[in-house]
Amino acid sequence: MLMATIAMFLILGVAAVVMLIVLPSTEGQGRTRTRMARAAQHLNGEVEVPHRLERLVHRDR
């Protein structure tokens, strides 16, 4: 019974450490949120098509 309790607390501790590492990076801080916002604007047609994409599309014609 003691070993099961120790194992449970060890697993909970590892899970807590993983959450402390992952949660700050998933809150949208930094470039990830900016990239996702820009991608959403492009998908909604709110901004112009990037010139590099236009060149890529027209290059094959």
PDB file of N, CA and C in Angstrom:
ATOM      1  N   MET A   1       0.817  -1.194   0.000  1.00  0.00           N
ATOM      2  CA  MET A   1       0.000   0.000   0.000  1.00  0.00           C
ATOM      3  C   MET A   1       0.861   1.259   0.000  1.00  0.00           C
ATOM      4  N   LEU A   2       1.954   1.215   0.734  1.00  0.00           N
ATOM      5  CA  LEU A   2       2.849   2.360   0.794  1.00  0.00           C
ATOM      6  C   LEU A   2       3.484   2.623  -0.570  1.00  0.00           C
ATOM      7  N   MET A   3       3.845   1.564  -1.271  1.00  0.00           N
ATOM      8  CA  MET A   3       4.456   1.725  -2.596  1.00  0.00           C
ATOM      9  C   MET A   3       3.467   2.332  -3.587  1.00  0.00           C
ATOM     10  N   ALA A   4       2.216   1.938  -3.506  1.00  0.00           N
ATOM     11  CA  ALA A   4       1.196   2.492  -4.397  1.00  0.00           C
ATOM     12  C   ALA A   4       1.007   3.984  -4.131  1.00  0.00           C
ATOM     13  N   THR A   5       1.034   4.380  -2.876  1.00  0.00           N
ATOM     14  CA  THR A   5       0.882   5.794  -2.516  1.00  0.00           C
ATOM     15  C   THR A   5       2.069   6.607  -3.014  1.00  0.00           C
ATOM     16  N   ILE A   6       3.253   6.072  -2.840  1.00  0.00           N
ATOM     17  CA  ILE A   6       4.458   6.761  -3.320  1.00  0.00           C
ATOM     18  C   ILE A   6       4.422   6.882  -4.835  1.00  0.00           C
ATOM     19  N   ALA A   7       4.033   5.811  -5.525  1.00  0.00           N
ATOM     20  CA  ALA A   7       3.945   5.848  -6.989  1.00  0.00           C
ATOM     21  C   ALA A   7       2.915   6.869  -7.449  1.00  0.00           C
ATOM     22  N   MET A   8       1.783   6.938  -6.748  1.00  0.00           N
ATOM     23  CA  MET A   8       0.737   7.891  -7.112  1.00  0.00           C
ATOM     24  C   MET A   8       1.249   9.332  -6.977  1.00  0.00           C
ATOM     25  N   PHE A   9       1.912   9.626  -5.861  1.00  0.00           N
ATOM     26  CA  PHE A   9       2.430  10.982  -5.674  1.00  0.00           C
ATOM     27  C   PHE A   9       3.544  11.304  -6.676  1.00  0.00           C
ATOM     28  N   LEU A  10       4.331  10.315  -7.031  1.00  0.00           N
ATOM     29  CA  LEU A  10       5.377  10.518  -8.031  1.00  0.00           C
ATOM     30  C   LEU A  10       4.768  10.841  -9.393  1.00  0.00           C
ATOM     31  N   ILE A  11       3.739  10.104  -9.767  1.00  0.00           N
ATOM     32  CA  ILE A  11       3.069  10.347 -11.050  1.00  0.00           C
ATOM     33  C   ILE A  11       2.397  11.717 -11.047  1.00  0.00           C
ATOM     34  N   LEU A  12       1.736  12.062  -9.945  1.00  0.00           N
ATOM     35  CA  LEU A  12       1.107  13.388  -9.857  1.00  0.00           C
ATOM     36  C   LEU A  12       2.138  14.502  -9.912  1.00  0.00           C
ATOM     37  N   GLY A  13       3.295  14.288  -9.304  1.00  0.00           N
ATOM     38  CA  GLY A  13       4.362  15.283  -9.354  1.00  0.00           C
ATOM     39  C   GLY A  13       4.885  15.482 -10.763  1.00  0.00           C
ATOM     40  N   VAL A  14       5.082  14.384 -11.487  1.00  0.00           N
ATOM     41  CA  VAL A  14       5.548  14.490 -12.869  1.00  0.00           C
ATOM     42  C   VAL A  14       4.502  15.202 -13.723  1.00  0.00           C
ATOM     43  N   ALA A  15       3.229  14.878 -13.512  1.00  0.00           N
ATOM     44  CA  ALA A  15       2.163  15.547 -14.272  1.00  0.00           C
ATOM     45  C   ALA A  15       2.125  17.041 -13.973  1.00  0.00           C
ATOM     46  N   ALA A  16       2.328  17.415 -12.715  1.00  0.00           N
ATOM     47  CA  ALA A  16       2.325  18.833 -12.353  1.00  0.00           C
ATOM     48  C   ALA A  16       3.488  19.569 -13.004  1.00  0.00           C
ATOM     49  N   VAL A  17       4.658  18.952 -13.035  1.00  0.00           N
ATOM     50  CA  VAL A  17       5.823  19.573 -13.666  1.00  0.00           C
ATOM     51  C   VAL A  17       5.577  19.754 -15.162  1.00  0.00           C
ATOM     52  N   VAL A  18       5.021  18.740 -15.800  1.00  0.00           N
ATOM     53  CA  VAL A  18       4.726  18.847 -17.237  1.00  0.00           C
ATOM     54  C   VAL A  18       3.737  19.973 -17.492  1.00  0.00           C
ATOM     55  N   MET A  19       2.724  20.080 -16.667  1.00  0.00           N
ATOM     56  CA  MET A  19       1.742  21.162 -16.833  1.00  0.00           C
ATOM     57  C   MET A  19       2.387  22.528 -16.637  1.00  0.00           C
ATOM     58  N   LEU A  20       3.277  22.646 -15.674  1.00  0.00           N
ATOM     59  CA  LEU A  20       3.949  23.924 -15.451  1.00  0.00           C
ATOM     60  C   LEU A  20       4.835  24.316 -16.626  1.00  0.00           C
ATOM     61  N   ILE A  21       5.336  23.338 -17.340  1.00  0.00           N
ATOM     62  CA  ILE A  21       6.180  23.624 -18.496  1.00  0.00           C
ATOM     63  C   ILE A  21       5.327  23.949 -19.721  1.00  0.00           C
ATOM     64  N   VAL A  22       4.242  23.213 -19.913  1.00  0.00           N
ATOM     65  CA  VAL A  22       3.451  23.334 -21.131  1.00  0.00           C
ATOM     66  C   VAL A  22       2.477  24.505 -21.100  1.00  0.00           C
ATOM     67  N   LEU A  23       1.815  24.740 -19.994  1.00  0.00           N
ATOM     68  CA  LEU A  23       0.773  25.768 -19.945  1.00  0.00           C
ATOM     69  C   LEU A  23       1.239  27.170 -20.321  1.00  0.00           C
ATOM     70  N   PRO A  24       2.373  27.657 -19.842  1.00  0.00           N
ATOM     71  CA  PRO A  24       2.773  29.012 -20.255  1.00  0.00           C
ATOM     72  C   PRO A  24       2.993  29.135 -21.764  1.00  0.00           C
ATOM     73  N   SER A  25       3.425  28.071 -22.413  1.00  0.00           N
ATOM     74  CA  SER A  25       3.672  28.167 -23.848  1.00  0.00           C
ATOM     75  C   SER A  25       2.396  28.053 -24.657  1.00  0.00           C
ATOM     76  N   THR A  26       1.319  27.528 -24.072  1.00  0.00           N
ATOM     77  CA  THR A  26       0.071  27.393 -24.815  1.00  0.00           C
ATOM     78  C   THR A  26      -0.897  28.532 -24.555  1.00  0.00           C
ATOM     79  N   GLU A  27      -0.502  29.519 -23.793  1.00  0.00           N
ATOM     80  CA  GLU A  27      -1.378  30.655 -23.511  1.00  0.00           C
ATOM     81  C   GLU A  27      -1.405  31.661 -24.642  1.00  0.00           C
ATOM     82  N   GLY A  28      -0.677  31.405 -25.711  1.00  0.00           N
ATOM     83  CA  GLY A  28      -0.697  32.305 -26.843  1.00  0.00           C
ATOM     84  C   GLY A  28       0.327  33.406 -26.762  1.00  0.00           C
ATOM     85  N   GLN A  29       1.296  33.273 -25.927  1.00  0.00           N
ATOM     86  CA  GLN A  29       2.332  34.290 -25.839  1.00  0.00           C
ATOM     87  C   GLN A  29       3.336  34.050 -26.955  1.00  0.00           C
ATOM     88  N   GLY A  30       3.895  35.121 -27.456  1.00  0.00           N
ATOM     89  CA  GLY A  30       4.954  34.991 -28.443  1.00  0.00           C
ATOM     90  C   GLY A  30       4.447  34.907 -29.863  1.00  0.00           C
ATOM     91  N   ARG A  31       5.248  34.276 -30.697  1.00  0.00           N
ATOM     92  CA  ARG A  31       4.973  34.261 -32.131  1.00  0.00           C
ATOM     93  C   ARG A  31       3.828  33.343 -32.517  1.00  0.00           C
ATOM     94  N   THR A  32       3.537  32.318 -31.713  1.00  0.00           N
ATOM     95  CA  THR A  32       2.506  31.359 -32.091  1.00  0.00           C
ATOM     96  C   THR A  32       1.155  32.035 -32.244  1.00  0.00           C
ATOM     97  N   ARG A  33       0.794  32.881 -31.297  1.00  0.00           N
ATOM     98  CA  ARG A  33      -0.500  33.551 -31.370  1.00  0.00           C
ATOM     99  C   ARG A  33      -0.540  34.508 -32.559  1.00  0.00           C
ATOM    100  N   THR A  34       0.559  35.199 -32.804  1.00  0.00           N
ATOM    101  CA  THR A  34       0.616  36.125 -33.927  1.00  0.00           C
ATOM    102  C   THR A  34       0.462  35.373 -35.244  1.00  0.00           C
ATOM    103  N   ARG A  35       1.145  34.257 -35.371  1.00  0.00           N
ATOM    104  CA  ARG A  35       1.037  33.469 -36.605  1.00  0.00           C
ATOM    105  C   ARG A  35      -0.373  32.931 -36.802  1.00  0.00           C
ATOM    106  N   MET A  36      -0.985  32.469 -35.722  1.00  0.00           N
ATOM    107  CA  MET A  36      -2.344  31.945 -35.835  1.00  0.00           C
ATOM    108  C   MET A  36      -3.327  33.058 -36.196  1.00  0.00           C
ATOM    109  N   ALA A  37      -3.133  34.233 -35.635  1.00  0.00           N
ATOM    110  CA  ALA A  37      -4.013  35.363 -35.953  1.00  0.00           C
ATOM    111  C   ALA A  37      -3.852  35.766 -37.411  1.00  0.00           C
ATOM    112  N   ARG A  38      -2.607  35.788 -37.888  1.00  0.00           N
ATOM    113  CA  ARG A  38      -2.374  36.132 -39.294  1.00  0.00           C
ATOM    114  C   ARG A  38      -2.965  35.081 -40.216  1.00  0.00           C
ATOM    115  N   ALA A  39      -2.817  33.821 -39.855  1.00  0.00           N
ATOM    116  CA  ALA A  39      -3.389  32.749 -40.675  1.00  0.00           C
ATOM    117  C   ALA A  39      -4.906  32.870 -40.721  1.00  0.00           C
ATOM    118  N   ALA A  40      -5.530  33.205 -39.598  1.00  0.00           N
ATOM    119  CA  ALA A  40      -6.982  33.381 -39.568  1.00  0.00           C
ATOM    120  C   ALA A  40      -7.410  34.533 -40.458  1.00  0.00           C
ATOM    121  N   GLN A  41      -6.654  35.623 -40.448  1.00  0.00           N
ATOM    122  CA  GLN A  41      -6.993  36.752 -41.318  1.00  0.00           C
ATOM    123  C   GLN A  41      -6.895  36.359 -42.777  1.00  0.00           C
ATOM    124  N   HIS A  42      -5.871  35.603 -43.127  1.00  0.00           N
ATOM    125  CA  HIS A  42      -5.723  35.176 -44.522  1.00  0.00           C
ATOM    126  C   HIS A  42      -6.850  34.237 -44.925  1.00  0.00           C
ATOM    127  N   LEU A  43      -7.211  33.319 -44.035  1.00  0.00           N
ATOM    128  CA  LEU A  43      -8.287  32.383 -44.352  1.00  0.00           C
ATOM    129  C   LEU A  43      -9.629  33.090 -44.472  1.00  0.00           C
ATOM    130  N   ASN A  44      -9.814  34.172 -43.737  1.00  0.00           N
ATOM    131  CA  ASN A  44     -11.056  34.939 -43.812  1.00  0.00           C
ATOM    132  C   ASN A  44     -11.058  35.931 -44.966  1.00  0.00           C
ATOM    133  N   GLY A  45      -9.937  36.086 -45.661  1.00  0.00           N
ATOM    134  CA  GLY A  45      -9.855  37.012 -46.776  1.00  0.00           C
ATOM    135  C   GLY A  45      -9.754  38.459 -46.348  1.00  0.00           C
ATOM    136  N   GLU A  46      -9.274  38.712 -45.155  1.00  0.00           N
ATOM    137  CA  GLU A  46      -9.203  40.074 -44.631  1.00  0.00           C
ATOM    138  C   GLU A  46      -7.932  40.816 -45.035  1.00  0.00           C
ATOM    139  N   VAL A  47      -6.932  40.119 -45.531  1.00  0.00           N
ATOM    140  CA  VAL A  47      -5.677  40.748 -45.921  1.00  0.00           C
ATOM    141  C   VAL A  47      -5.303  40.286 -47.319  1.00  0.00           C
ATOM    142  N   GLU A  48      -4.326  40.978 -47.906  1.00  0.00           N
ATOM    143  CA  GLU A  48      -3.895  40.623 -49.252  1.00  0.00           C
ATOM    144  C   GLU A  48      -3.110  39.318 -49.254  1.00  0.00           C
ATOM    145  N   VAL A  49      -3.078  38.695 -50.412  1.00  0.00           N
ATOM    146  CA  VAL A  49      -2.304  37.466 -50.575  1.00  0.00           C
ATOM    147  C   VAL A  49      -0.822  37.820 -50.534  1.00  0.00           C
ATOM    148  N   PRO A  50      -0.011  37.050 -49.820  1.00  0.00           N
ATOM    149  CA  PRO A  50       1.422  37.342 -49.775  1.00  0.00           C
ATOM    150  C   PRO A  50       2.049  37.249 -51.170  1.00  0.00           C
ATOM    151  N   HIS A  51       2.986  38.151 -51.442  1.00  0.00           N
ATOM    152  CA  HIS A  51       3.608  38.194 -52.761  1.00  0.00           C
ATOM    153  C   HIS A  51       4.364  36.909 -53.073  1.00  0.00           C
ATOM    154  N   ARG A  52       4.969  36.317 -52.066  1.00  0.00           N
ATOM    155  CA  ARG A  52       5.708  35.075 -52.294  1.00  0.00           C
ATOM    156  C   ARG A  52       4.767  33.963 -52.752  1.00  0.00           C
ATOM    157  N   LEU A  53       3.554  33.924 -52.215  1.00  0.00           N
ATOM    158  CA  LEU A  53       2.579  32.920 -52.637  1.00  0.00           C
ATOM    159  C   LEU A  53       2.118  33.187 -54.064  1.00  0.00           C
ATOM    160  N   GLU A  54       1.903  34.448 -54.402  1.00  0.00           N
ATOM    161  CA  GLU A  54       1.504  34.782 -55.771  1.00  0.00           C
ATOM    162  C   GLU A  54       2.572  34.354 -56.767  1.00  0.00           C
ATOM    163  N   ARG A  55       3.838  34.630 -56.437  1.00  0.00           N
ATOM    164  CA  ARG A  55       4.931  34.226 -57.325  1.00  0.00           C
ATOM    165  C   ARG A  55       4.983  32.716 -57.477  1.00  0.00           C
ATOM    166  N   LEU A  56       4.745  31.992 -56.397  1.00  0.00           N
ATOM    167  CA  LEU A  56       4.781  30.533 -56.442  1.00  0.00           C
ATOM    168  C   LEU A  56       3.652  29.989 -57.317  1.00  0.00           C
ATOM    169  N   VAL A  57       2.466  30.560 -57.189  1.00  0.00           N
ATOM    170  CA  VAL A  57       1.327  30.093 -57.964  1.00  0.00           C
ATOM    171  C   VAL A  57       1.512  30.425 -59.430  1.00  0.00           C
ATOM    172  N   HIS A  58       1.957  31.636 -59.749  1.00  0.00           N
ATOM    173  CA  HIS A  58       2.092  32.058 -61.135  1.00  0.00           C
ATOM    174  C   HIS A  58       3.321  31.478 -61.811  1.00  0.00           C
ATOM    175  N   ARG A  59       4.250  30.977 -61.044  1.00  0.00           N
ATOM    176  CA  ARG A  59       5.467  30.407 -61.626  1.00  0.00           C
ATOM    177  C   ARG A  59       5.176  29.123 -62.387  1.00  0.00           C
ATOM    178  N   ASP A  60       4.173  28.365 -61.945  1.00  0.00           N
ATOM    179  CA  ASP A  60       3.851  27.091 -62.584  1.00  0.00           C
ATOM    180  C   ASP A  60       3.057  27.262 -63.872  1.00  0.00           C
ATOM    181  N   ARG A  61       2.551  28.411 -64.132  1.00  0.00           N
ATOM    182  CA  ARG A  61       1.719  28.602 -65.347  1.00  0.00           C
ATOM    183  C   ARG A  61       2.551  28.872 -66.554  1.00  0.00           C
TER     184      ARG A  61
END
